[in-house]
Amino acid sequence: MWEYTEKVKEHFFNPHNVGEIKNPSAKAEVGSLSCGDALYLTLKIDEKTNIIQDAKFMSFGCGSAIASSSILTDMIIGKTVDEAKKITNQDIADELGGLPRQKMHCSVMGYEALEKAIANYLGEQEPEEHTHDEGELICTCFQVTDATIARVVRENNITEVEDVTNFCKAVGGCGTCRTEVEDIIKQVQAEMALEKQQGNGSSATVANIPSPRLEKPKVLTNLQKIKLIEETIESDIRPGLMADGGNIELIDVVGNQILVKLQGACSSCPSASATIKHGVEARLKEIVGDDMFVEEVH
C-alpha cells in the first residue's frame, strides 16, 4: 500500500485553482485516457512583466495526479515565466513532501504541461521529444512510444525497467514490451556514458518514427456510430479508468449525445467533470466525430 504525505492528501481532497481561465494567455493539454492521466492547464500572464498572475487546471487521474496539478498552480502563481521554466518534476514532488516512486509520472505530467504552456505563450513549437504521438509505439497498454521512454530514462537517469513504469507507465500492463524497454534503457545509458566521456553535452536519443494516426470514417450509420463508441470506450477509455480504480458505463446514445455513468473511484472524484470533458469526450471526438458530446448521468 502506498503512503501519501499529508500535503498530497490535502491537495487531493481540496485541490487549489480548479477550473479554466477564459481567454488564457497560455494553455496546454497533456496525457490521455489511454495512459490513465490527463491535465489541462491554463495561465494568465502579464505581458509587461511576464509574471504569471493566475493558473487553473482540470485533471483526470488518480489522487497524485490531482495533487501534483494543484501544487503546481500554487508554485507558479506570482513567478515570472523564466522562473517557472526552471521548475522540474522533482520540484513538484518535493513540494508535496514526496510522492511514491510508482506515482512519479504524475509530477512528470505537471512538468510537461507547464513546459508546453510556456512554449504556447512564447509562440514556440512544442518540444518534439515531449510529443507522445511521435515515435514507435512500444507499450500498447498505455500508448507509450520509444521517444517518451528514452526521454524519461535520460531526464531521470533511469537504469531499471520498474522505474520506467513509475515515470511513464510503460510495461505496467501486460508486460510484453519489457525486453524492448530494456533495450532502450541500455541504448540511452550508453549514449549518456559516451556524452559524458566526450564532454560534448549532445542529446542523441532513440530515433523518432512517426506512428500512423487513426482516421475517422467519413460517414457512419447509427449502428456503426454506436458500435464505434462502444469499441472506443472498451479499448481506449475503460482501461485507463480501471488502472486508477474507476470505470465507466455507456448508458445511451441519442443523436450526437453520448450518455455515460462514471463508476468506482471516478464517481466521487473531484475532477469528474474534467474526466468527462477532457478525457472521455475528447477521445470520442477524436475517434468517432468532432460533433460528439458527452454528458454524465448521475
Protein backbone atom coordinates (compact mmCIF):
# COMPACT_ATOMS: atom_id res chain seq x y z
CA MET A 1 0.00 0.00 0.00
CA TRP A 2 1.39 3.40 -1.00
CA GLU A 3 1.86 6.03 1.67
CA TYR A 4 0.91 9.60 0.85
CA THR A 5 2.03 12.73 2.68
CA GLU A 6 -0.50 14.97 4.37
CA LYS A 7 0.16 17.58 1.71
CA VAL A 8 -0.74 15.15 -1.08
CA LYS A 9 -3.97 14.30 0.74
CA GLU A 10 -4.75 17.98 1.30
CA HIS A 11 -4.36 18.85 -2.38
CA PHE A 12 -6.35 15.80 -3.48
CA PHE A 13 -9.35 16.33 -1.23
CA ASN A 14 -9.25 20.14 -1.50
CA PRO A 15 -7.47 20.95 -4.77
CA HIS A 16 -6.49 24.57 -5.39
CA ASN A 17 -7.18 26.59 -8.55
CA VAL A 18 -9.51 24.09 -10.20
CA GLY A 19 -11.18 25.32 -13.38
CA GLU A 20 -10.35 27.06 -16.63
CA ILE A 21 -9.25 30.64 -17.33
CA LYS A 22 -11.33 32.29 -20.04
CA ASN A 23 -9.19 33.73 -22.85
CA PRO A 24 -5.94 32.47 -21.27
CA SER A 25 -2.52 33.83 -22.12
CA ALA A 26 -1.31 30.25 -22.40
CA LYS A 27 -2.79 26.77 -22.32
CA ALA A 28 -1.64 23.19 -22.55
CA GLU A 29 -3.17 19.75 -22.55
CA VAL A 30 -1.07 16.67 -21.86
CA GLY A 31 -1.70 12.99 -21.20
CA SER A 32 -4.67 10.92 -22.33
CA LEU A 33 -7.19 8.40 -21.08
CA SER A 34 -5.17 5.63 -22.68
CA CYS A 35 -2.24 6.35 -20.35
CA GLY A 36 -4.51 6.86 -17.36
CA ASP A 37 -3.93 10.56 -16.62
CA ALA A 38 -4.68 13.85 -18.37
CA LEU A 39 -4.13 17.50 -17.44
CA TYR A 40 -5.45 20.75 -18.93
CA LEU A 41 -3.57 23.85 -17.71
CA THR A 42 -4.42 27.49 -18.42
CA LEU A 43 -2.38 30.55 -17.43
CA LYS A 44 -2.98 34.30 -17.21
CA ILE A 45 0.30 36.16 -17.73
CA ASP A 46 1.01 39.89 -17.52
CA GLU A 47 2.56 40.74 -20.89
CA LYS A 48 4.56 43.67 -19.48
CA THR A 49 6.18 41.85 -16.56
CA ASN A 50 5.83 38.22 -17.74
CA ILE A 51 4.50 37.39 -14.26
CA ILE A 52 2.02 34.52 -14.03
CA GLN A 53 -0.99 36.16 -12.37
CA ASP A 54 -3.26 33.13 -12.30
CA ALA A 55 -3.20 29.43 -13.11
CA LYS A 56 -6.03 26.93 -13.22
CA PHE A 57 -6.22 23.25 -14.04
CA MET A 58 -8.60 20.44 -14.80
CA SER A 59 -7.23 16.96 -14.30
CA PHE A 60 -8.34 13.40 -14.88
CA GLY A 61 -6.40 10.87 -12.90
CA CYS A 62 -5.53 9.49 -9.51
CA GLY A 63 -5.01 11.40 -6.27
CA SER A 64 -1.34 12.00 -7.05
CA ALA A 65 -2.21 13.48 -10.46
CA ILE A 66 -4.71 15.89 -8.93
CA ALA A 67 -2.38 16.82 -6.07
CA SER A 68 0.55 17.38 -8.45
CA SER A 69 -1.57 19.62 -10.68
CA SER A 70 -2.90 21.56 -7.69
CA ILE A 71 0.50 22.20 -6.11
CA LEU A 72 1.95 23.17 -9.49
CA THR A 73 -0.54 26.03 -9.85
CA ASP A 74 0.36 27.26 -6.36
CA MET A 75 4.05 27.10 -7.22
CA ILE A 76 3.87 29.17 -10.42
CA ILE A 77 1.41 31.92 -9.47
CA GLY A 78 3.45 35.07 -8.81
CA LYS A 79 6.53 33.77 -10.63
CA THR A 80 7.88 35.14 -13.88
CA VAL A 81 7.82 32.91 -16.94
CA ASP A 82 11.60 32.49 -16.71
CA GLU A 83 11.34 31.43 -13.06
CA ALA A 84 8.53 28.97 -13.85
CA LYS A 85 10.60 27.43 -16.67
CA LYS A 86 13.14 26.26 -14.08
CA ILE A 87 10.61 24.10 -12.19
CA THR A 88 11.21 20.36 -12.66
CA ASN A 89 9.06 17.33 -11.98
CA GLN A 90 11.24 16.62 -8.94
CA ASP A 91 10.47 20.13 -7.61
CA ILE A 92 6.75 19.33 -7.85
CA ALA A 93 7.20 16.05 -5.98
CA ASP A 94 9.38 17.72 -3.34
CA GLU A 95 6.80 20.47 -2.79
CA LEU A 96 4.27 17.75 -1.97
CA GLY A 97 6.66 16.25 0.57
CA GLY A 98 7.42 13.42 -1.83
CA LEU A 99 5.45 11.01 -3.99
CA PRO A 100 5.53 7.22 -4.06
CA ARG A 101 8.04 6.14 -6.70
CA GLN A 102 5.15 4.43 -8.51
CA LYS A 103 3.38 7.80 -8.87
CA MET A 104 6.24 9.96 -10.13
CA HIS A 105 4.64 10.01 -13.59
CA CYS A 106 2.07 12.42 -12.13
CA SER A 107 4.75 15.04 -11.40
CA VAL A 108 6.19 14.47 -14.87
CA MET A 109 2.79 15.24 -16.38
CA GLY A 110 2.64 18.54 -14.47
CA TYR A 111 6.13 19.48 -15.63
CA GLU A 112 5.24 18.68 -19.24
CA ALA A 113 2.03 20.73 -19.07
CA LEU A 114 3.90 23.75 -17.69
CA GLU A 115 6.62 23.48 -20.32
CA LYS A 116 4.06 23.16 -23.10
CA ALA A 117 2.00 26.11 -21.80
CA ILE A 118 5.08 28.36 -21.64
CA ALA A 119 6.03 27.33 -25.17
CA ASN A 120 2.48 28.21 -26.20
CA TYR A 121 2.79 31.66 -24.58
CA LEU A 122 6.16 32.35 -26.19
CA GLY A 123 4.94 31.20 -29.57
CA GLU A 124 7.41 28.36 -29.64
CA GLN A 125 6.81 24.93 -31.11
CA GLU A 126 6.15 22.20 -28.55
CA PRO A 127 9.35 20.23 -27.88
CA GLU A 128 9.25 17.20 -30.18
CA GLU A 129 10.59 14.86 -27.53
CA HIS A 130 7.52 15.63 -25.39
CA THR A 131 5.03 14.82 -28.14
CA HIS A 132 3.63 11.44 -27.15
CA ASP A 133 2.23 10.75 -30.65
CA GLU A 134 5.74 10.71 -32.13
CA GLY A 135 7.90 7.64 -32.31
CA GLU A 136 7.30 3.92 -32.48
CA LEU A 137 4.60 2.60 -30.15
CA ILE A 138 6.27 0.31 -27.62
CA CYS A 139 3.72 -0.13 -24.82
CA THR A 140 0.29 -0.75 -26.34
CA CYS A 141 -1.43 -0.96 -22.95
CA PHE A 142 -0.64 2.68 -22.11
CA GLN A 143 0.22 4.02 -25.59
CA VAL A 144 3.85 4.90 -24.76
CA THR A 145 6.36 5.45 -27.55
CA ASP A 146 10.10 4.80 -27.71
CA ALA A 147 10.67 8.58 -27.73
CA THR A 148 8.83 9.04 -24.44
CA ILE A 149 10.64 6.12 -22.81
CA ALA A 150 14.01 7.43 -23.99
CA ARG A 151 13.21 10.89 -22.61
CA VAL A 152 12.25 9.73 -19.11
CA VAL A 153 15.29 7.45 -18.99
CA ARG A 154 17.55 10.35 -19.93
CA GLU A 155 15.96 13.03 -17.72
CA ASN A 156 15.83 10.82 -14.62
CA ASN A 157 18.93 8.67 -15.23
CA ILE A 158 16.84 5.50 -15.08
CA THR A 159 18.56 2.13 -15.16
CA GLU A 160 15.72 -0.23 -14.18
CA VAL A 161 12.54 -1.16 -16.06
CA GLU A 162 10.45 -0.70 -12.90
CA ASP A 163 11.39 2.98 -12.80
CA VAL A 164 10.34 3.43 -16.42
CA THR A 165 6.92 2.16 -15.30
CA ASN A 166 6.93 4.60 -12.38
CA PHE A 167 7.64 7.58 -14.62
CA CYS A 168 5.56 6.84 -17.73
CA LYS A 169 3.63 3.57 -17.03
CA ALA A 170 5.26 1.56 -19.83
CA VAL A 171 5.43 -2.19 -19.03
CA GLY A 172 2.78 -1.61 -16.35
CA GLY A 173 0.13 -3.59 -18.22
CA CYS A 174 0.65 -6.95 -19.91
CA GLY A 175 4.45 -6.62 -19.72
CA THR A 176 5.16 -7.95 -23.22
CA CYS A 177 7.19 -4.84 -24.08
CA ARG A 178 9.68 -5.39 -21.25
CA THR A 179 12.52 -6.58 -23.49
CA GLU A 180 12.11 -3.59 -25.83
CA VAL A 181 12.16 -1.19 -22.87
CA GLU A 182 15.30 -2.86 -21.51
CA ASP A 183 16.96 -2.32 -24.89
CA ILE A 184 16.00 1.39 -24.88
CA ILE A 185 17.43 1.81 -21.36
CA LYS A 186 20.70 0.21 -22.45
CA GLN A 187 20.89 2.36 -25.58
CA VAL A 188 20.18 5.66 -23.80
CA GLN A 189 22.51 4.84 -20.91
CA ALA A 190 25.25 4.03 -23.45
CA GLU A 191 24.63 7.35 -25.21
CA MET A 192 24.79 9.22 -21.89
CA ALA A 193 28.03 7.49 -20.93
CA LEU A 194 29.58 8.39 -24.30
CA GLU A 195 28.42 12.01 -23.99
CA LYS A 196 29.93 12.23 -20.52
CA GLN A 197 33.17 10.78 -21.80
CA GLN A 198 33.31 13.16 -24.75
CA GLY A 199 32.07 16.09 -22.66
CA ASN A 200 30.09 17.48 -25.57
CA GLY A 201 26.64 17.53 -23.91
CA SER A 202 24.91 16.24 -27.05
CA SER A 203 21.43 14.87 -26.71
CA ALA A 204 21.15 11.92 -29.07
CA THR A 205 18.05 9.85 -28.46
CA VAL A 206 16.29 6.86 -29.86
CA ALA A 207 15.13 7.78 -33.36
CA ASN A 208 11.57 9.03 -33.59
CA ILE A 209 9.46 7.04 -36.02
CA PRO A 210 6.05 8.64 -36.58
CA SER A 211 3.17 6.29 -35.82
CA PRO A 212 0.13 6.16 -38.12
CA ARG A 213 -2.80 8.25 -36.96
CA LEU A 214 -6.24 6.73 -36.72
CA GLU A 215 -8.58 8.31 -39.27
CA LYS A 216 -12.29 8.74 -38.58
CA PRO A 217 -14.69 7.21 -41.12
CA LYS A 218 -16.26 9.93 -43.30
CA VAL A 219 -19.85 8.66 -42.92
CA LEU A 220 -21.30 6.50 -40.16
CA THR A 221 -24.69 4.88 -39.87
CA ASN A 222 -26.31 4.99 -36.43
CA LEU A 223 -25.38 1.36 -35.82
CA GLN A 224 -21.78 1.96 -36.92
CA LYS A 225 -21.57 5.03 -34.69
CA ILE A 226 -22.85 3.16 -31.62
CA LYS A 227 -20.52 0.23 -32.29
CA LEU A 228 -17.52 2.56 -32.66
CA ILE A 229 -18.44 4.36 -29.43
CA GLU A 230 -18.69 1.02 -27.61
CA GLU A 231 -15.35 -0.16 -29.02
CA THR A 232 -13.61 3.10 -28.14
CA ILE A 233 -14.88 3.03 -24.56
CA GLU A 234 -13.93 -0.62 -24.17
CA SER A 235 -10.45 -0.49 -25.69
CA ASP A 236 -9.28 3.11 -25.18
CA ILE A 237 -11.16 4.64 -22.25
CA ARG A 238 -12.08 1.92 -19.74
CA PRO A 239 -8.50 0.54 -19.26
CA GLY A 240 -7.23 3.96 -18.18
CA LEU A 241 -10.06 4.44 -15.71
CA MET A 242 -9.74 0.95 -14.27
CA ALA A 243 -6.00 1.48 -13.75
CA ASP A 244 -6.91 4.00 -11.03
CA GLY A 245 -9.89 2.15 -9.55
CA GLY A 246 -12.61 3.68 -11.71
CA ASN A 247 -14.87 2.55 -14.51
CA ILE A 248 -17.43 3.83 -17.00
CA GLU A 249 -20.75 2.59 -18.33
CA LEU A 250 -22.33 3.60 -21.63
CA ILE A 251 -25.96 4.42 -20.87
CA ASP A 252 -27.35 5.61 -24.20
CA VAL A 253 -26.59 7.36 -27.47
CA VAL A 254 -29.10 9.98 -28.61
CA GLY A 255 -28.03 11.52 -31.89
CA ASN A 256 -24.62 13.03 -31.15
CA GLN A 257 -25.19 12.99 -27.40
CA ILE A 258 -23.41 10.20 -25.51
CA LEU A 259 -24.72 9.47 -22.02
CA VAL A 260 -22.30 7.75 -19.65
CA LYS A 261 -22.03 6.96 -15.95
CA LEU A 262 -18.75 7.06 -14.06
CA GLN A 263 -18.24 4.27 -11.54
CA GLY A 264 -15.85 3.30 -8.77
CA ALA A 265 -13.26 5.89 -7.77
CA CYS A 266 -14.24 8.12 -10.71
CA SER A 267 -17.80 8.62 -9.43
CA SER A 268 -16.63 10.52 -6.34
CA CYS A 269 -13.54 12.17 -7.85
CA PRO A 270 -13.33 15.99 -7.51
CA SER A 271 -12.24 16.16 -11.16
CA ALA A 272 -15.05 14.03 -12.58
CA SER A 273 -16.18 16.87 -14.87
CA ALA A 274 -12.65 17.16 -16.29
CA THR A 275 -12.61 13.38 -16.83
CA ILE A 276 -15.78 13.70 -18.92
CA LYS A 277 -14.74 16.76 -20.94
CA HIS A 278 -11.00 16.39 -21.42
CA GLY A 279 -10.86 12.63 -21.21
CA VAL A 280 -13.93 10.75 -22.40
CA GLU A 281 -15.39 13.40 -24.72
CA ALA A 282 -12.03 14.39 -26.23
CA ARG A 283 -11.22 10.79 -27.11
CA LEU A 284 -14.66 10.11 -28.59
CA LYS A 285 -14.47 13.30 -30.65
CA GLU A 286 -11.10 12.16 -31.97
CA ILE A 287 -12.25 8.67 -32.90
CA VAL A 288 -15.98 8.97 -33.66
CA GLY A 289 -16.58 12.56 -34.73
CA ASP A 290 -15.93 16.19 -33.82
CA ASP A 291 -19.64 16.82 -33.30
CA MET A 292 -19.99 14.26 -30.49
CA PHE A 293 -20.52 15.45 -26.91
CA VAL A 294 -20.68 13.51 -23.65
CA GLU A 295 -22.90 14.02 -20.63
CA GLU A 296 -22.65 12.23 -17.31
CA VAL A 297 -25.73 10.52 -15.91
CA HIS A 298 -25.87 10.52 -12.09
